[in-house]
Amino acid sequence: MIDQEYMRHPCKIQRQMVCYLERQGVHVNRKRVQRLMKNMGLEGLAPKPRTTMHSKENRVYPYLLRGLEIAKPDHVWCSDITYIPMR
């Protein structure tokens, strides 16, 4: 039933599939539907997060610590500001 409904509506995710199955009279847990869909290789056609896409205009900075031997504590400090929103 899951495969047939997926072929009709490929954008359905596990929660929507559970609602469909309950309307058909089959009471099933969401986690079971999730496992079955994973075993069948089915996933909803929803957009995925695109957090690491970079623009061609952005400059790629070199990694300055390459080749540096860090031999003691507090020799090198680092911070990552990748996800700080800019205006």
C-alpha atoms as a PDB file:
ATOM      1  CA  MET A   1       0.000   0.000   0.000  1.00  0.00           C
ATOM      2  CA  ILE A   2       2.856   2.377   0.796  1.00  0.00           C
ATOM      3  CA  ASP A   3       4.487   1.769  -2.577  1.00  0.00           C
ATOM      4  CA  GLN A   4       1.229   2.247  -4.492  1.00  0.00           C
ATOM      5  CA  GLU A   5       0.447   5.525  -2.703  1.00  0.00           C
ATOM      6  CA  TYR A   6       4.033   6.727  -3.185  1.00  0.00           C
ATOM      7  CA  MET A   7       3.738   6.112  -6.931  1.00  0.00           C
ATOM      8  CA  ARG A   8       0.570   8.224  -7.015  1.00  0.00           C
ATOM      9  CA  HIS A   9       1.930  10.989  -4.741  1.00  0.00           C
ATOM     10  CA  PRO A  10       5.766  10.904  -4.470  1.00  0.00           C
ATOM     11  CA  CYS A  11       5.920  14.059  -2.357  1.00  0.00           C
ATOM     12  CA  LYS A  12       4.298  12.368   0.666  1.00  0.00           C
ATOM     13  CA  ILE A  13       6.504  11.992   3.696  1.00  0.00           C
ATOM     14  CA  GLN A  14       6.130   9.447   6.497  1.00  0.00           C
ATOM     15  CA  ARG A  15       3.605  11.437   8.536  1.00  0.00           C
ATOM     16  CA  GLN A  16       1.346  11.959   5.543  1.00  0.00           C
ATOM     17  CA  MET A  17       1.675   8.293   4.662  1.00  0.00           C
ATOM     18  CA  VAL A  18       0.550   7.326   8.188  1.00  0.00           C
ATOM     19  CA  CYS A  19      -2.552   9.516   7.798  1.00  0.00           C
ATOM     20  CA  TYR A  20      -3.287   7.872   4.441  1.00  0.00           C
ATOM     21  CA  LEU A  21      -2.926   4.367   5.908  1.00  0.00           C
ATOM     22  CA  GLU A  22      -5.172   5.243   8.860  1.00  0.00           C
ATOM     23  CA  ARG A  23      -7.846   6.483   6.446  1.00  0.00           C
ATOM     24  CA  GLN A  24      -7.560   3.091   4.721  1.00  0.00           C
ATOM     25  CA  GLY A  25      -8.107   1.298   8.045  1.00  0.00           C
ATOM     26  CA  VAL A  26      -4.490   0.284   8.701  1.00  0.00           C
ATOM     27  CA  HIS A  27      -3.250   1.519  12.075  1.00  0.00           C
ATOM     28  CA  VAL A  28       0.531   1.786  11.977  1.00  0.00           C
ATOM     29  CA  ASN A  29       3.211   3.720  13.849  1.00  0.00           C
ATOM     30  CA  ARG A  30       5.080   6.538  12.092  1.00  0.00           C
ATOM     31  CA  LYS A  31       8.443   4.976  12.914  1.00  0.00           C
ATOM     32  CA  ARG A  32       7.402   1.725  11.256  1.00  0.00           C
ATOM     33  CA  VAL A  33       6.366   3.597   8.107  1.00  0.00           C
ATOM     34  CA  GLN A  34       9.659   5.477   8.227  1.00  0.00           C
ATOM     35  CA  ARG A  35      11.604   2.192   8.444  1.00  0.00           C
ATOM     36  CA  LEU A  36       9.589   0.548   5.666  1.00  0.00           C
ATOM     37  CA  MET A  37      10.001   3.546   3.355  1.00  0.00           C
ATOM     38  CA  LYS A  38      13.748   3.574   4.048  1.00  0.00           C
ATOM     39  CA  ASN A  39      13.988  -0.165   3.257  1.00  0.00           C
ATOM     40  CA  MET A  40      12.128   0.407  -0.027  1.00  0.00           C
ATOM     41  CA  GLY A  41      14.343   3.385  -0.884  1.00  0.00           C
ATOM     42  CA  LEU A  42      11.441   5.870  -0.830  1.00  0.00           C
ATOM     43  CA  GLU A  43      11.705   9.438   0.408  1.00  0.00           C
ATOM     44  CA  GLY A  44       9.540  12.502  -0.034  1.00  0.00           C
ATOM     45  CA  LEU A  45      10.378  14.978  -2.767  1.00  0.00           C
ATOM     46  CA  ALA A  46      10.765  17.931  -0.412  1.00  0.00           C
ATOM     47  CA  PRO A  47      13.617  20.432  -0.757  1.00  0.00           C
ATOM     48  CA  LYS A  48      16.638  19.601   1.386  1.00  0.00           C
ATOM     49  CA  PRO A  49      18.537  22.166   3.476  1.00  0.00           C
ATOM     50  CA  ARG A  50      21.181  23.977   1.423  1.00  0.00           C
ATOM     51  CA  THR A  51      23.325  25.476   4.165  1.00  0.00           C
ATOM     52  CA  THR A  52      26.713  24.921   2.528  1.00  0.00           C
ATOM     53  CA  MET A  53      26.048  26.371  -0.916  1.00  0.00           C
ATOM     54  CA  HIS A  54      28.518  29.130  -1.739  1.00  0.00           C
ATOM     55  CA  SER A  55      28.269  31.946  -4.203  1.00  0.00           C
ATOM     56  CA  LYS A  56      30.748  32.334  -7.043  1.00  0.00           C
ATOM     57  CA  GLU A  57      31.406  35.936  -5.956  1.00  0.00           C
ATOM     58  CA  ASN A  58      32.587  34.917  -2.484  1.00  0.00           C
ATOM     59  CA  ARG A  59      36.310  34.671  -1.976  1.00  0.00           C
ATOM     60  CA  VAL A  60      37.772  31.406  -0.640  1.00  0.00           C
ATOM     61  CA  TYR A  61      40.388  32.180   1.986  1.00  0.00           C
ATOM     62  CA  PRO A  62      43.471  29.970   2.424  1.00  0.00           C
ATOM     63  CA  TYR A  63      43.941  27.759   5.487  1.00  0.00           C
ATOM     64  CA  LEU A  64      46.804  29.471   7.284  1.00  0.00           C
ATOM     65  CA  LEU A  65      47.539  26.698   9.800  1.00  0.00           C
ATOM     66  CA  ARG A  66      48.437  24.056   7.210  1.00  0.00           C
ATOM     67  CA  GLY A  67      51.882  22.675   7.890  1.00  0.00           C
ATOM     68  CA  LEU A  68      52.121  24.377  11.308  1.00  0.00           C
ATOM     69  CA  GLU A  69      53.115  22.019  14.107  1.00  0.00           C
ATOM     70  CA  ILE A  70      50.984  22.759  17.151  1.00  0.00           C
ATOM     71  CA  ALA A  71      53.171  21.657  20.049  1.00  0.00           C
ATOM     72  CA  LYS A  72      51.655  23.218  23.190  1.00  0.00           C
ATOM     73  CA  PRO A  73      48.307  24.331  24.605  1.00  0.00           C
ATOM     74  CA  ASP A  74      47.127  27.834  23.664  1.00  0.00           C
ATOM     75  CA  HIS A  75      49.511  27.873  20.711  1.00  0.00           C
ATOM     76  CA  VAL A  76      46.696  28.388  18.211  1.00  0.00           C
ATOM     77  CA  TRP A  77      43.248  29.874  18.683  1.00  0.00           C
ATOM     78  CA  CYS A  78      40.411  29.537  16.229  1.00  0.00           C
ATOM     79  CA  SER A  79      36.780  30.534  15.726  1.00  0.00           C
ATOM     80  CA  ASP A  80      34.227  29.730  13.064  1.00  0.00           C
ATOM     81  CA  ILE A  81      31.921  32.534  11.925  1.00  0.00           C
ATOM     82  CA  THR A  82      30.401  30.634   9.001  1.00  0.00           C
ATOM     83  CA  TYR A  83      26.789  30.874  10.141  1.00  0.00           C
ATOM     84  CA  ILE A  84      26.731  34.367  11.629  1.00  0.00           C
ATOM     85  CA  PRO A  85      24.089  36.302   9.651  1.00  0.00           C
ATOM     86  CA  MET A  86      25.392  39.395   7.887  1.00  0.00           C
ATOM     87  CA  ARG A  87      23.321  42.326   6.695  1.00  0.00           C
END
